[in-house]
Structure formats: structure tokens, C-alpha cells
Amino acid sequence: MPNPKRKHTRSRRDSRRSQNWKLERPSLSPCPNPDCKKMRPAHTVCPHCGFYKGRIAVMPKVEKAKPQSEGEAGS
């Protein structure tokens, strides 16, 4: 088996290896719910409204208002 005559530089080696590490952005599609239309990953439940395949699959989480402590209220 043939061997290289000279050592390849770090630059040459690393530029060859760099081609394997490109990241791709996830593809997003609009939510089919007419009231939502926010972008979501394809084939997943919408995290905003819980809609999937023409029905509500999960109830969306409603953020509760935190009660103010006595020291913060009405300064």
C-alpha cells in the first residue's frame, strides 16, 4: 500500500475535515390551525396551540401569573 512522501499540513488536513461538520437549520412549517399559524417543526404537535393532524392533540400549557410577594406589591 502506498504511503505519503510528505506530511500534510494542519491547514490542509483541517480544511478537508471541516466539510463534515456543517449544520443545517431545522425545517419549519406553519401550523395548520387557522387560529395559530405559527412556525413549528414538521410532523410534530404545535408547541403553541397543541394542534396536530386536524385536532387538538394536547392541551397547551398556560403560563400562570406569579403572585407578587408582600414586599413587592404597592411600594
C-alpha atoms as a PDB file:
ATOM      1  CA  MET A   1       0.000   0.000   0.000  1.00  0.00           C
ATOM      2  CA  PRO A   2       1.424   3.415  -0.919  1.00  0.00           C
ATOM      3  CA  ASN A   3       2.415   5.876   1.773  1.00  0.00           C
ATOM      4  CA  PRO A   4       2.579   9.664   1.510  1.00  0.00           C
ATOM      5  CA  LYS A   5       6.023  11.095   0.751  1.00  0.00           C
ATOM      6  CA  ARG A   6       5.480  14.281   2.772  1.00  0.00           C
ATOM      7  CA  LYS A   7       3.433  15.220   5.802  1.00  0.00           C
ATOM      8  CA  HIS A   8       0.249  17.166   5.037  1.00  0.00           C
ATOM      9  CA  THR A   9      -0.056  20.478   6.853  1.00  0.00           C
ATOM     10  CA  ARG A  10      -2.566  21.026   9.631  1.00  0.00           C
ATOM     11  CA  SER A  11      -4.324  23.544   7.432  1.00  0.00           C
ATOM     12  CA  ARG A  12      -4.762  21.047   4.600  1.00  0.00           C
ATOM     13  CA  ARG A  13      -5.909  18.298   6.947  1.00  0.00           C
ATOM     14  CA  ASP A  14      -8.364  20.513   8.833  1.00  0.00           C
ATOM     15  CA  SER A  15      -9.862  22.080   5.721  1.00  0.00           C
ATOM     16  CA  ARG A  16     -10.622  18.587   4.437  1.00  0.00           C
ATOM     17  CA  ARG A  17     -12.238  17.577   7.722  1.00  0.00           C
ATOM     18  CA  SER A  18     -14.270  20.770   8.066  1.00  0.00           C
ATOM     19  CA  GLN A  19     -16.690  19.721   5.326  1.00  0.00           C
ATOM     20  CA  ASN A  20     -18.293  17.085   7.575  1.00  0.00           C
ATOM     21  CA  TRP A  21     -19.394  19.472  10.333  1.00  0.00           C
ATOM     22  CA  LYS A  22     -21.824  21.766   8.521  1.00  0.00           C
ATOM     23  CA  LEU A  23     -25.035  22.294  10.495  1.00  0.00           C
ATOM     24  CA  GLU A  24     -28.427  22.625   8.879  1.00  0.00           C
ATOM     25  CA  ARG A  25     -31.301  24.606  10.293  1.00  0.00           C
ATOM     26  CA  PRO A  26     -34.379  22.522  11.093  1.00  0.00           C
ATOM     27  CA  SER A  27     -37.139  22.880   8.525  1.00  0.00           C
ATOM     28  CA  LEU A  28     -40.177  24.658   9.920  1.00  0.00           C
ATOM     29  CA  SER A  29     -43.708  24.731   8.575  1.00  0.00           C
ATOM     30  CA  PRO A  30     -46.723  26.843   9.590  1.00  0.00           C
ATOM     31  CA  CYS A  31     -49.228  25.336  11.990  1.00  0.00           C
ATOM     32  CA  PRO A  32     -52.364  24.164  10.119  1.00  0.00           C
ATOM     33  CA  ASN A  33     -54.604  25.526  12.888  1.00  0.00           C
ATOM     34  CA  PRO A  34     -56.360  28.601  11.401  1.00  0.00           C
ATOM     35  CA  ASP A  35     -56.090  30.444  14.725  1.00  0.00           C
ATOM     36  CA  CYS A  36     -52.363  29.799  15.264  1.00  0.00           C
ATOM     37  CA  LYS A  37     -50.289  29.770  12.016  1.00  0.00           C
ATOM     38  CA  LYS A  38     -47.006  29.942  14.000  1.00  0.00           C
ATOM     39  CA  MET A  39     -43.938  28.128  12.700  1.00  0.00           C
ATOM     40  CA  ARG A  40     -43.310  24.655  14.116  1.00  0.00           C
ATOM     41  CA  PRO A  41     -41.182  21.593  13.216  1.00  0.00           C
ATOM     42  CA  ALA A  42     -42.826  19.325  10.655  1.00  0.00           C
ATOM     43  CA  HIS A  43     -44.682  16.200  11.876  1.00  0.00           C
ATOM     44  CA  THR A  44     -44.847  17.403  15.486  1.00  0.00           C
ATOM     45  CA  VAL A  45     -47.513  18.809  17.772  1.00  0.00           C
ATOM     46  CA  CYS A  46     -47.583  22.603  17.681  1.00  0.00           C
ATOM     47  CA  PRO A  47     -45.963  23.802  20.929  1.00  0.00           C
ATOM     48  CA  HIS A  48     -48.116  26.950  20.914  1.00  0.00           C
ATOM     49  CA  CYS A  49     -51.637  25.563  20.455  1.00  0.00           C
ATOM     50  CA  GLY A  50     -51.294  21.735  20.738  1.00  0.00           C
ATOM     51  CA  PHE A  51     -52.798  21.132  17.262  1.00  0.00           C
ATOM     52  CA  TYR A  52     -51.809  18.033  15.228  1.00  0.00           C
ATOM     53  CA  LYS A  53     -53.447  16.241  12.279  1.00  0.00           C
ATOM     54  CA  GLY A  54     -56.651  18.264  12.313  1.00  0.00           C
ATOM     55  CA  ARG A  55     -57.374  18.077  16.036  1.00  0.00           C
ATOM     56  CA  ILE A  56     -56.070  19.259  19.377  1.00  0.00           C
ATOM     57  CA  ALA A  57     -53.670  16.542  20.490  1.00  0.00           C
ATOM     58  CA  VAL A  58     -52.511  18.055  23.791  1.00  0.00           C
ATOM     59  CA  MET A  59     -53.739  20.963  25.822  1.00  0.00           C
ATOM     60  CA  PRO A  60     -51.261  23.842  25.568  1.00  0.00           C
ATOM     61  CA  LYS A  61     -49.600  24.928  28.770  1.00  0.00           C
ATOM     62  CA  VAL A  62     -50.992  28.160  30.153  1.00  0.00           C
ATOM     63  CA  GLU A  63     -48.441  30.229  32.000  1.00  0.00           C
ATOM     64  CA  LYS A  64     -49.747  31.193  35.417  1.00  0.00           C
ATOM     65  CA  ALA A  65     -49.210  34.699  36.696  1.00  0.00           C
ATOM     66  CA  LYS A  66     -46.905  34.577  39.672  1.00  0.00           C
ATOM     67  CA  PRO A  67     -48.424  36.126  42.791  1.00  0.00           C
ATOM     68  CA  GLN A  68     -46.496  39.127  43.968  1.00  0.00           C
ATOM     69  CA  SER A  69     -44.884  38.905  47.358  1.00  0.00           C
ATOM     70  CA  GLU A  70     -45.991  41.393  50.001  1.00  0.00           C
ATOM     71  CA  GLY A  71     -42.728  43.325  49.772  1.00  0.00           C
ATOM     72  CA  GLU A  72     -43.112  44.000  46.036  1.00  0.00           C
ATOM     73  CA  ALA A  73     -46.788  44.975  45.991  1.00  0.00           C
ATOM     74  CA  GLY A  74     -47.726  48.666  46.360  1.00  0.00           C
ATOM     75  CA  SER A  75     -44.332  50.078  47.267  1.00  0.00           C
END
